[in-house]
N, C-alpha and C. Protein backbone atom coordinates (compact mmCIF):
# COMPACT_ATOMS: atom_id res chain seq x y z
N MET A 1 101.03 113.45 152.70
CA MET A 1 99.79 112.86 152.19
C MET A 1 100.07 112.01 150.95
N LYS A 2 100.86 112.57 150.00
CA LYS A 2 101.19 111.83 148.78
C LYS A 2 101.94 110.55 149.10
N LYS A 3 102.86 110.66 150.09
CA LYS A 3 103.66 109.50 150.48
C LYS A 3 102.75 108.42 151.07
N THR A 4 101.78 108.81 151.88
CA THR A 4 100.85 107.87 152.50
C THR A 4 100.01 107.17 151.44
N LEU A 5 99.52 107.96 150.47
CA LEU A 5 98.73 107.37 149.38
C LEU A 5 99.56 106.40 148.55
N ALA A 6 100.81 106.78 148.29
CA ALA A 6 101.70 105.91 147.51
C ALA A 6 101.95 104.60 148.24
N LEU A 7 102.18 104.70 149.57
CA LEU A 7 102.42 103.48 150.37
C LEU A 7 101.18 102.60 150.41
N ALA A 8 100.01 103.24 150.53
CA ALA A 8 98.76 102.48 150.55
C ALA A 8 98.54 101.77 149.22
N PHE A 9 98.85 102.47 148.13
CA PHE A 9 98.70 101.88 146.80
C PHE A 9 99.65 100.70 146.61
N MET A 10 100.90 100.87 147.08
CA MET A 10 101.89 99.79 146.98
C MET A 10 101.44 98.57 147.79
N ALA A 11 100.88 98.83 148.97
CA ALA A 11 100.40 97.74 149.82
C ALA A 11 99.24 97.01 149.15
N LEU A 12 98.36 97.77 148.50
CA LEU A 12 97.24 97.17 147.79
C LEU A 12 97.72 96.28 146.66
N LEU A 13 98.71 96.77 145.89
CA LEU A 13 99.26 95.97 144.80
C LEU A 13 99.91 94.69 145.31
N ALA A 14 100.65 94.81 146.42
CA ALA A 14 101.31 93.63 147.01
C ALA A 14 100.27 92.63 147.49
N TRP A 15 99.20 93.13 148.13
CA TRP A 15 98.13 92.25 148.61
C TRP A 15 97.46 91.54 147.45
N ARG A 16 97.20 92.29 146.36
CA ARG A 16 96.55 91.70 145.20
C ARG A 16 97.41 90.62 144.55
N ALA A 17 98.72 90.90 144.45
CA ALA A 17 99.64 89.92 143.86
C ALA A 17 99.70 88.67 144.72
N GLU A 18 99.70 88.87 146.06
CA GLU A 18 99.75 87.72 146.97
C GLU A 18 98.46 86.91 146.88
N ALA A 19 97.33 87.62 146.77
CA ALA A 19 96.04 86.94 146.67
C ALA A 19 95.98 86.11 145.40
N GLN A 20 96.51 86.66 144.29
CA GLN A 20 96.50 85.92 143.03
C GLN A 20 97.39 84.69 143.12
N GLN A 21 98.56 84.85 143.77
CA GLN A 21 99.48 83.73 143.89
C GLN A 21 98.88 82.62 144.74
N LYS A 22 98.06 83.00 145.74
CA LYS A 22 97.48 82.02 146.65
C LYS A 22 96.12 81.52 146.20
N ALA A 23 95.73 81.84 144.97
CA ALA A 23 94.45 81.37 144.46
C ALA A 23 94.44 79.84 144.52
N PRO A 24 93.36 79.25 145.02
CA PRO A 24 93.33 77.79 145.13
C PRO A 24 93.44 77.12 143.76
N VAL A 25 94.20 76.06 143.72
CA VAL A 25 94.39 75.33 142.46
C VAL A 25 93.37 74.19 142.43
N PRO A 26 92.53 74.14 141.39
CA PRO A 26 91.54 73.06 141.30
C PRO A 26 92.22 71.68 141.20
N ALA A 27 91.47 70.65 141.54
CA ALA A 27 91.97 69.29 141.41
C ALA A 27 92.30 69.01 139.95
N ALA A 28 93.23 68.10 139.72
CA ALA A 28 93.67 67.78 138.35
C ALA A 28 92.49 67.39 137.47
N GLU A 29 91.56 66.60 138.01
CA GLU A 29 90.41 66.14 137.22
C GLU A 29 89.57 67.32 136.73
N ALA A 30 89.37 68.32 137.60
CA ALA A 30 88.58 69.50 137.23
C ALA A 30 89.32 70.32 136.19
N GLN A 31 90.63 70.46 136.34
CA GLN A 31 91.43 71.20 135.36
C GLN A 31 91.37 70.54 133.99
N ILE A 32 91.49 69.22 133.97
CA ILE A 32 91.46 68.48 132.70
C ILE A 32 90.10 68.62 132.03
N LYS A 33 89.04 68.45 132.81
CA LYS A 33 87.68 68.54 132.28
C LYS A 33 87.42 69.89 131.62
N ALA A 34 87.88 70.96 132.28
CA ALA A 34 87.66 72.31 131.74
C ALA A 34 88.60 72.61 130.57
N ALA A 35 89.85 72.16 130.67
CA ALA A 35 90.84 72.47 129.63
C ALA A 35 90.44 71.89 128.28
N VAL A 36 89.96 70.66 128.26
CA VAL A 36 89.66 70.01 126.98
C VAL A 36 88.40 70.56 126.32
N LEU A 37 87.66 71.42 127.00
CA LEU A 37 86.49 72.06 126.37
C LEU A 37 86.92 72.95 125.22
N ALA A 38 88.21 73.33 125.20
CA ALA A 38 88.73 74.15 124.10
C ALA A 38 88.94 73.33 122.84
N ALA A 39 89.01 72.01 122.98
CA ALA A 39 89.31 71.13 121.84
C ALA A 39 88.04 70.66 121.13
N PRO A 40 88.16 70.30 119.85
CA PRO A 40 87.03 69.65 119.18
C PRO A 40 86.65 68.38 119.95
N ALA A 41 85.36 68.07 119.99
CA ALA A 41 84.86 66.95 120.80
C ALA A 41 85.60 65.64 120.53
N ASP A 42 85.92 65.36 119.27
CA ASP A 42 86.55 64.07 118.94
C ASP A 42 88.03 64.03 119.29
N LYS A 43 88.60 65.15 119.76
CA LYS A 43 90.01 65.21 120.12
C LYS A 43 90.23 65.26 121.63
N ARG A 44 89.17 65.45 122.40
CA ARG A 44 89.30 65.71 123.83
C ARG A 44 89.90 64.54 124.62
N GLU A 45 89.42 63.35 124.36
CA GLU A 45 89.84 62.19 125.15
C GLU A 45 91.34 61.89 124.99
N GLY A 46 91.89 62.15 123.82
CA GLY A 46 93.29 61.81 123.57
C GLY A 46 94.28 62.95 123.71
N ALA A 47 93.81 64.12 124.14
CA ALA A 47 94.70 65.28 124.23
C ALA A 47 95.59 65.23 125.47
N THR A 48 96.83 65.68 125.31
CA THR A 48 97.72 65.88 126.46
C THR A 48 97.23 67.14 127.17
N VAL A 49 97.28 67.14 128.50
CA VAL A 49 96.82 68.32 129.25
C VAL A 49 97.90 68.79 130.22
N TYR A 50 98.24 70.07 130.09
CA TYR A 50 99.12 70.73 131.05
C TYR A 50 98.24 71.54 132.00
N GLY A 51 98.59 71.49 133.27
CA GLY A 51 97.85 72.27 134.27
C GLY A 51 98.77 72.63 135.41
N TYR A 52 98.19 72.90 136.57
CA TYR A 52 98.96 73.44 137.68
C TYR A 52 98.90 72.54 138.91
N ASN A 53 100.06 72.42 139.59
CA ASN A 53 100.08 71.67 140.84
C ASN A 53 99.78 72.64 141.99
N LYS A 54 99.79 72.15 143.21
CA LYS A 54 99.43 72.98 144.36
C LYS A 54 100.38 74.15 144.57
N ALA A 55 101.60 74.02 144.04
CA ALA A 55 102.57 75.11 144.16
C ALA A 55 102.41 76.15 143.05
N GLY A 56 101.45 75.92 142.16
CA GLY A 56 101.22 76.85 141.06
C GLY A 56 102.16 76.66 139.89
N GLU A 57 102.86 75.52 139.85
CA GLU A 57 103.79 75.24 138.76
C GLU A 57 103.08 74.50 137.63
N LEU A 58 103.46 74.79 136.40
CA LEU A 58 102.87 74.13 135.24
C LEU A 58 103.46 72.73 135.12
N VAL A 59 102.58 71.73 135.09
CA VAL A 59 103.01 70.32 135.02
C VAL A 59 102.12 69.57 134.03
N THR A 60 102.53 68.38 133.66
CA THR A 60 101.69 67.53 132.81
C THR A 60 100.68 66.82 133.69
N LEU A 61 99.40 67.10 133.46
CA LEU A 61 98.34 66.44 134.22
C LEU A 61 97.93 65.13 133.58
N ARG A 62 98.04 65.07 132.24
CA ARG A 62 97.66 63.85 131.53
C ARG A 62 98.45 63.76 130.23
N LYS A 63 99.07 62.62 130.01
CA LYS A 63 99.78 62.38 128.76
C LYS A 63 98.76 61.87 127.75
N GLY A 64 98.76 62.45 126.56
CA GLY A 64 97.75 62.11 125.57
C GLY A 64 98.24 61.16 124.50
N SER A 65 97.33 60.87 123.56
CA SER A 65 97.63 59.94 122.48
C SER A 65 97.42 60.55 121.10
N ASN A 66 96.98 61.80 121.04
CA ASN A 66 96.80 62.43 119.73
C ASN A 66 97.69 63.67 119.60
N GLU A 67 97.41 64.50 118.61
CA GLU A 67 98.28 65.62 118.28
C GLU A 67 97.99 66.91 119.05
N LEU A 68 96.98 66.90 119.93
CA LEU A 68 96.62 68.14 120.64
C LEU A 68 97.23 68.22 122.04
N ILE A 69 97.61 69.44 122.41
CA ILE A 69 98.03 69.76 123.76
C ILE A 69 97.04 70.80 124.28
N CYS A 70 96.49 70.56 125.46
CA CYS A 70 95.57 71.52 126.07
C CYS A 70 96.20 72.12 127.31
N LEU A 71 95.99 73.40 127.48
CA LEU A 71 96.56 74.15 128.60
C LEU A 71 95.41 74.60 129.49
N ALA A 72 95.43 74.13 130.74
CA ALA A 72 94.36 74.47 131.69
C ALA A 72 94.42 75.93 132.10
N ASP A 73 93.33 76.40 132.65
CA ASP A 73 93.24 77.77 133.15
C ASP A 73 94.26 78.01 134.25
N ASP A 74 94.91 79.16 134.21
CA ASP A 74 95.88 79.54 135.24
C ASP A 74 95.10 80.18 136.40
N PRO A 75 95.04 79.54 137.56
CA PRO A 75 94.24 80.08 138.67
C PRO A 75 94.76 81.42 139.19
N ALA A 76 95.99 81.79 138.86
CA ALA A 76 96.55 83.07 139.31
C ALA A 76 96.11 84.22 138.43
N GLN A 77 95.46 83.92 137.29
CA GLN A 77 95.02 84.96 136.37
C GLN A 77 93.51 85.17 136.50
N GLU A 78 93.08 86.40 136.27
CA GLU A 78 91.66 86.73 136.38
C GLU A 78 90.88 86.14 135.21
N GLY A 79 89.67 85.66 135.47
CA GLY A 79 88.84 85.07 134.43
C GLY A 79 89.28 83.65 134.11
N PHE A 80 88.56 83.02 133.20
CA PHE A 80 88.88 81.65 132.79
C PHE A 80 89.38 81.66 131.36
N SER A 81 90.49 80.96 131.11
CA SER A 81 91.01 80.83 129.76
C SER A 81 91.75 79.50 129.63
N ALA A 82 91.27 78.68 128.71
CA ALA A 82 91.92 77.41 128.39
C ALA A 82 92.23 77.42 126.90
N ALA A 83 93.24 76.67 126.51
CA ALA A 83 93.61 76.63 125.10
C ALA A 83 94.07 75.23 124.72
N CYS A 84 93.82 74.86 123.48
CA CYS A 84 94.34 73.61 122.93
C CYS A 84 95.00 73.93 121.60
N TYR A 85 96.15 73.30 121.37
CA TYR A 85 96.89 73.60 120.15
C TYR A 85 97.62 72.36 119.64
N HIS A 86 97.98 72.39 118.37
CA HIS A 86 98.71 71.29 117.75
C HIS A 86 100.09 71.16 118.38
N LYS A 87 100.55 69.94 118.58
CA LYS A 87 101.82 69.69 119.27
C LYS A 87 103.00 70.37 118.58
N ASP A 88 102.92 70.62 117.27
CA ASP A 88 104.03 71.29 116.58
C ASP A 88 104.18 72.75 116.98
N LEU A 89 103.17 73.30 117.67
CA LEU A 89 103.26 74.68 118.18
C LEU A 89 103.90 74.73 119.56
N GLU A 90 104.20 73.58 120.16
CA GLU A 90 104.70 73.57 121.54
C GLU A 90 106.00 74.36 121.72
N PRO A 91 107.00 74.27 120.82
CA PRO A 91 108.20 75.10 121.03
C PRO A 91 107.86 76.60 121.09
N PHE A 92 106.98 77.05 120.21
CA PHE A 92 106.53 78.45 120.17
C PHE A 92 105.81 78.82 121.46
N MET A 93 104.88 77.97 121.90
CA MET A 93 104.10 78.24 123.11
C MET A 93 104.99 78.20 124.35
N ALA A 94 105.85 77.19 124.43
CA ALA A 94 106.72 77.04 125.59
C ALA A 94 107.66 78.23 125.72
N ARG A 95 108.19 78.72 124.59
CA ARG A 95 109.08 79.88 124.62
C ARG A 95 108.33 81.11 125.11
N GLY A 96 107.08 81.26 124.68
CA GLY A 96 106.27 82.38 125.15
C GLY A 96 106.07 82.33 126.66
N ARG A 97 105.77 81.13 127.19
CA ARG A 97 105.58 80.99 128.64
C ARG A 97 106.87 81.32 129.39
N GLU A 98 107.98 80.86 128.84
CA GLU A 98 109.28 81.10 129.45
C GLU A 98 109.60 82.60 129.51
N LEU A 99 109.33 83.30 128.43
CA LEU A 99 109.60 84.74 128.38
C LEU A 99 108.66 85.53 129.28
N ARG A 100 107.38 85.11 129.36
CA ARG A 100 106.44 85.77 130.26
C ARG A 100 106.88 85.60 131.71
N LYS A 101 107.33 84.40 132.04
CA LYS A 101 107.80 84.12 133.40
C LYS A 101 109.00 84.99 133.75
N ALA A 102 109.80 85.32 132.74
CA ALA A 102 110.98 86.18 132.94
C ALA A 102 110.61 87.66 133.00
N GLY A 103 109.30 87.96 132.87
CA GLY A 103 108.83 89.34 133.01
C GLY A 103 108.78 90.14 131.72
N LYS A 104 108.92 89.47 130.58
CA LYS A 104 108.88 90.18 129.29
C LYS A 104 107.44 90.55 128.94
N ASP A 105 107.27 91.71 128.31
CA ASP A 105 105.94 92.12 127.87
C ASP A 105 105.65 91.55 126.47
N HIS A 106 104.43 91.80 125.99
CA HIS A 106 103.99 91.22 124.71
C HIS A 106 104.94 91.59 123.56
N LYS A 107 105.34 92.85 123.51
CA LYS A 107 106.21 93.32 122.42
C LYS A 107 107.57 92.61 122.46
N ALA A 108 108.15 92.51 123.65
CA ALA A 108 109.45 91.86 123.79
C ALA A 108 109.38 90.37 123.46
N ILE A 109 108.28 89.74 123.84
CA ILE A 109 108.09 88.32 123.54
C ILE A 109 108.01 88.12 122.03
N PHE A 110 107.22 88.95 121.37
CA PHE A 110 107.07 88.85 119.92
C PHE A 110 108.42 89.04 119.23
N GLU A 111 109.13 90.08 119.62
CA GLU A 111 110.41 90.39 118.97
C GLU A 111 111.45 89.29 119.20
N THR A 112 111.47 88.75 120.40
CA THR A 112 112.42 87.67 120.71
C THR A 112 112.12 86.43 119.89
N ARG A 113 110.85 86.06 119.85
CA ARG A 113 110.49 84.86 119.08
C ARG A 113 110.69 85.08 117.58
N GLU A 114 110.46 86.29 117.10
CA GLU A 114 110.68 86.59 115.69
C GLU A 114 112.16 86.40 115.34
N GLU A 115 113.02 86.95 116.18
CA GLU A 115 114.46 86.84 115.95
C GLU A 115 114.91 85.37 116.01
N GLU A 116 114.41 84.65 117.00
CA GLU A 116 114.82 83.26 117.18
C GLU A 116 114.26 82.35 116.08
N ALA A 117 113.07 82.67 115.60
CA ALA A 117 112.49 81.88 114.50
C ALA A 117 113.29 82.10 113.21
N LYS A 118 113.68 83.35 112.95
CA LYS A 118 114.47 83.66 111.75
C LYS A 118 115.84 83.01 111.78
N SER A 119 116.43 82.92 112.98
CA SER A 119 117.76 82.32 113.10
C SER A 119 117.71 80.79 113.10
N GLY A 120 116.50 80.24 113.27
CA GLY A 120 116.37 78.79 113.32
C GLY A 120 116.43 78.22 114.74
N LYS A 121 116.68 79.09 115.72
CA LYS A 121 116.73 78.64 117.12
C LYS A 121 115.36 78.18 117.60
N LEU A 122 114.32 78.89 117.16
CA LEU A 122 112.95 78.54 117.52
C LEU A 122 112.31 77.82 116.34
N LYS A 123 111.93 76.58 116.55
CA LYS A 123 111.34 75.78 115.48
C LYS A 123 109.85 76.08 115.35
N MET A 124 109.46 76.55 114.17
CA MET A 124 108.06 76.83 113.90
C MET A 124 107.51 75.74 112.97
N PRO A 125 106.20 75.47 113.06
CA PRO A 125 105.60 74.45 112.18
C PRO A 125 105.77 74.79 110.71
N LYS A 126 105.95 73.77 109.89
CA LYS A 126 106.08 73.97 108.45
C LYS A 126 104.73 73.94 107.75
N GLN A 127 103.71 73.48 108.45
CA GLN A 127 102.36 73.41 107.90
C GLN A 127 101.42 74.23 108.78
N PRO A 128 100.25 74.62 108.28
CA PRO A 128 99.30 75.35 109.12
C PRO A 128 98.92 74.52 110.35
N THR A 129 98.88 75.15 111.51
CA THR A 129 98.55 74.47 112.75
C THR A 129 97.55 75.30 113.55
N THR A 130 96.68 74.61 114.25
CA THR A 130 95.54 75.26 114.89
C THR A 130 95.69 75.45 116.39
N LEU A 131 95.12 76.57 116.85
CA LEU A 131 94.99 76.88 118.28
C LEU A 131 93.52 77.20 118.53
N PHE A 132 92.96 76.59 119.57
CA PHE A 132 91.59 76.86 120.00
C PHE A 132 91.67 77.53 121.36
N VAL A 133 90.97 78.65 121.54
CA VAL A 133 90.99 79.37 122.82
C VAL A 133 89.56 79.47 123.36
N TYR A 134 89.38 78.99 124.60
CA TYR A 134 88.06 78.98 125.23
C TYR A 134 88.12 79.85 126.48
N THR A 135 87.32 80.91 126.50
CA THR A 135 87.33 81.84 127.63
C THR A 135 85.95 81.97 128.25
N ALA A 136 85.93 82.45 129.49
CA ALA A 136 84.67 82.68 130.20
C ALA A 136 84.95 83.63 131.35
N PRO A 137 83.91 84.31 131.86
CA PRO A 137 84.12 85.14 133.05
C PRO A 137 84.47 84.25 134.23
N ALA A 138 85.14 84.81 135.23
CA ALA A 138 85.60 84.04 136.39
C ALA A 138 84.46 83.26 137.04
N GLU A 139 83.29 83.91 137.12
CA GLU A 139 82.15 83.25 137.78
C GLU A 139 81.57 82.12 136.93
N GLY A 140 82.01 82.02 135.67
CA GLY A 140 81.52 80.95 134.80
C GLY A 140 82.23 79.63 134.99
N PHE A 141 83.34 79.63 135.73
CA PHE A 141 84.12 78.40 135.93
C PHE A 141 83.91 77.86 137.33
N ASN A 142 83.45 76.61 137.42
CA ASN A 142 83.29 75.93 138.70
C ASN A 142 84.55 75.09 138.94
N ALA A 143 85.41 75.57 139.82
CA ALA A 143 86.70 74.90 140.07
C ALA A 143 86.54 73.53 140.72
N ASN A 144 85.39 73.28 141.33
CA ASN A 144 85.17 71.98 141.98
C ASN A 144 84.76 70.90 140.98
N THR A 145 83.96 71.29 139.99
CA THR A 145 83.45 70.30 139.04
C THR A 145 84.12 70.36 137.67
N GLY A 146 84.79 71.48 137.37
CA GLY A 146 85.40 71.64 136.05
C GLY A 146 84.42 72.09 134.99
N GLU A 147 83.20 72.45 135.39
CA GLU A 147 82.19 72.90 134.45
C GLU A 147 82.39 74.39 134.13
N VAL A 148 82.09 74.76 132.88
CA VAL A 148 82.25 76.15 132.45
C VAL A 148 80.93 76.62 131.83
N LYS A 149 80.46 77.79 132.26
CA LYS A 149 79.24 78.38 131.70
C LYS A 149 79.60 79.68 131.00
N ASP A 150 78.79 80.05 130.02
CA ASP A 150 78.97 81.30 129.27
C ASP A 150 80.35 81.38 128.61
N GLY A 151 80.84 80.24 128.11
CA GLY A 151 82.14 80.20 127.46
C GLY A 151 82.08 80.70 126.02
N TYR A 152 83.23 81.12 125.53
CA TYR A 152 83.35 81.63 124.17
C TYR A 152 84.57 80.99 123.52
N LEU A 153 84.38 80.39 122.35
CA LEU A 153 85.46 79.68 121.66
C LEU A 153 85.84 80.44 120.39
N ARG A 154 87.14 80.73 120.25
CA ARG A 154 87.64 81.35 119.03
C ARG A 154 88.74 80.47 118.45
N TYR A 155 89.04 80.71 117.16
CA TYR A 155 89.93 79.82 116.43
C TYR A 155 91.08 80.61 115.80
N VAL A 156 92.26 80.00 115.85
CA VAL A 156 93.46 80.60 115.28
C VAL A 156 94.18 79.53 114.48
N VAL A 157 94.62 79.86 113.28
CA VAL A 157 95.41 78.94 112.47
C VAL A 157 96.75 79.61 112.18
N TYR A 158 97.80 79.09 112.81
CA TYR A 158 99.14 79.64 112.58
C TYR A 158 99.66 79.19 111.22
N ILE A 159 100.17 80.15 110.47
CA ILE A 159 100.71 79.88 109.14
C ILE A 159 101.89 80.83 108.96
N PRO A 160 103.03 80.49 109.62
CA PRO A 160 104.18 81.39 109.66
C PRO A 160 104.57 82.00 108.31
N TYR A 161 104.81 83.29 108.34
CA TYR A 161 105.27 84.10 107.20
C TYR A 161 104.24 84.28 106.09
N ALA A 162 103.02 83.82 106.30
CA ALA A 162 101.96 84.06 105.32
C ALA A 162 101.62 85.55 105.28
N THR A 163 101.08 85.99 104.17
CA THR A 163 100.69 87.39 104.01
C THR A 163 99.26 87.47 103.48
N ALA A 164 98.74 88.68 103.44
CA ALA A 164 97.42 88.88 102.85
C ALA A 164 97.44 88.46 101.40
N GLU A 165 98.55 88.72 100.73
CA GLU A 165 98.67 88.40 99.30
C GLU A 165 98.78 86.89 99.08
N SER A 166 99.50 86.18 99.95
CA SER A 166 99.68 84.73 99.75
C SER A 166 98.44 83.93 100.14
N THR A 167 97.58 84.52 100.96
CA THR A 167 96.38 83.80 101.41
C THR A 167 95.08 84.35 100.83
N GLY A 168 95.10 85.61 100.39
CA GLY A 168 93.87 86.25 99.93
C GLY A 168 93.00 86.75 101.07
N LEU A 169 93.54 86.73 102.30
CA LEU A 169 92.77 87.15 103.47
C LEU A 169 92.93 88.64 103.73
N PRO A 170 91.91 89.29 104.29
CA PRO A 170 92.02 90.70 104.64
C PRO A 170 92.83 90.87 105.92
N LEU A 171 93.24 92.11 106.20
CA LEU A 171 94.00 92.41 107.40
C LEU A 171 93.11 92.71 108.60
N LYS A 172 91.81 92.75 108.37
CA LYS A 172 90.85 92.91 109.48
C LYS A 172 89.52 92.31 109.05
N PRO A 173 88.71 91.85 109.99
CA PRO A 173 87.43 91.24 109.62
C PRO A 173 86.44 92.29 109.14
N GLU A 174 85.68 91.95 108.12
CA GLU A 174 84.67 92.87 107.59
C GLU A 174 83.26 92.37 107.83
N GLY A 175 83.15 91.32 108.63
CA GLY A 175 81.84 90.78 108.97
C GLY A 175 81.98 89.74 110.06
N PRO A 176 80.87 89.31 110.66
CA PRO A 176 80.90 88.32 111.73
C PRO A 176 81.59 87.02 111.28
N ALA A 177 82.54 86.56 112.07
CA ALA A 177 83.26 85.30 111.84
C ALA A 177 84.12 85.29 110.59
N MET A 178 84.32 86.44 109.97
CA MET A 178 85.14 86.48 108.76
C MET A 178 86.60 86.24 109.11
N PRO A 179 87.27 85.26 108.47
CA PRO A 179 88.69 85.04 108.74
C PRO A 179 89.52 86.23 108.27
N TRP A 180 90.58 86.52 109.02
CA TRP A 180 91.50 87.58 108.65
C TRP A 180 92.89 87.20 109.13
N ILE A 181 93.91 87.84 108.59
CA ILE A 181 95.28 87.49 108.94
C ILE A 181 95.91 88.54 109.85
N MET A 182 96.57 88.06 110.89
CA MET A 182 97.22 88.93 111.87
C MET A 182 98.73 88.68 111.84
N TYR A 183 99.50 89.70 112.06
CA TYR A 183 100.98 89.65 112.00
C TYR A 183 101.48 89.04 110.69
N PRO A 184 100.95 89.48 109.55
CA PRO A 184 101.37 88.91 108.26
C PRO A 184 102.87 89.09 108.01
N GLY A 185 103.47 88.10 107.35
CA GLY A 185 104.87 88.17 106.99
C GLY A 185 105.84 87.89 108.12
N THR A 186 105.33 87.51 109.29
CA THR A 186 106.19 87.22 110.44
C THR A 186 106.05 85.76 110.86
N HIS A 187 106.89 85.36 111.82
CA HIS A 187 106.80 83.99 112.35
C HIS A 187 105.44 83.75 112.98
N GLY A 188 104.84 84.81 113.50
CA GLY A 188 103.56 84.69 114.21
C GLY A 188 102.34 84.91 113.34
N ALA A 189 102.49 84.91 112.03
CA ALA A 189 101.33 85.11 111.15
C ALA A 189 100.28 84.05 111.44
N HIS A 190 99.05 84.50 111.60
CA HIS A 190 97.97 83.53 111.87
C HIS A 190 96.62 84.05 111.39
N ILE A 191 95.76 83.11 111.07
CA ILE A 191 94.40 83.40 110.64
C ILE A 191 93.53 83.45 111.88
N MET A 192 92.80 84.53 112.05
CA MET A 192 91.90 84.69 113.19
C MET A 192 90.46 84.45 112.74
N ILE A 193 89.71 83.70 113.56
CA ILE A 193 88.28 83.51 113.31
C ILE A 193 87.56 83.69 114.65
N ASN A 194 86.81 84.78 114.75
CA ASN A 194 86.09 85.12 115.98
C ASN A 194 84.59 85.02 115.73
N PRO A 195 83.97 83.91 116.09
CA PRO A 195 82.51 83.78 115.87
C PRO A 195 81.76 84.85 116.66
N PRO A 196 80.57 85.23 116.20
CA PRO A 196 79.78 86.21 116.94
C PRO A 196 79.44 85.66 118.33
N ARG A 197 79.46 86.52 119.32
CA ARG A 197 79.08 86.09 120.68
C ARG A 197 77.56 86.07 120.77
N GLU A 198 77.06 85.12 121.53
CA GLU A 198 75.59 85.04 121.68
C GLU A 198 75.10 86.18 122.53
C-alpha cells in the first residue's frame, strides 16, 4: 500500500512538472506589455525586456534605450511576477538565474553570490540601484492581451554592504510602507518598501 501511494505521488509530481514545463508561452507583445508594468511609467517605453520563447528559454524580446531591464513573467511558475531593475544589477540577477537553473536553493544562491562578490568575481553596483517587483494571482494575468488585474507593486533599493547603522533604517518595518533594510552588511543588502495592499 505504501509503495503504491509513493508511486502515485511520484507520478503526480512528474505530471505537475510536465504541465508546468508545457505551460503556453504568451506572444512577445503580451509579455512585453505585462513586464513593463513593473517599471515607472516614464521608463516603460525605453526599457529592455527579457522574456520567453516557445521553448521556454529566456531571450531578449526588446532591446531598450534606457537604464532599465524588465523581466517578463515565467509561464512555468505559478502566479504572475514581473520585475524591472537597473542595468547595473544585471550581473547579480543573471548569476541568480544561472544558479537557480543549476538547482541551487535560496541559501546556496545567496552564499555563492556573497563569496563571489567579496572576491570581485561578481560585480555589484557601486551606487544604490532599484528593483521593482509586480505580482498578481495567476487569474489576474491575461496571457492573450498582456493585461494584469489585482497587481501589487513593491520596491527594493540595493545598496551593497549597507547596514542599519550606515543608513539609519530599522531591520524590520514598524508601520505600513516603512522602509527597512534586509541582509545588512552583505552584498545583497537592500532597502525594502512594501506599500499596504488595497
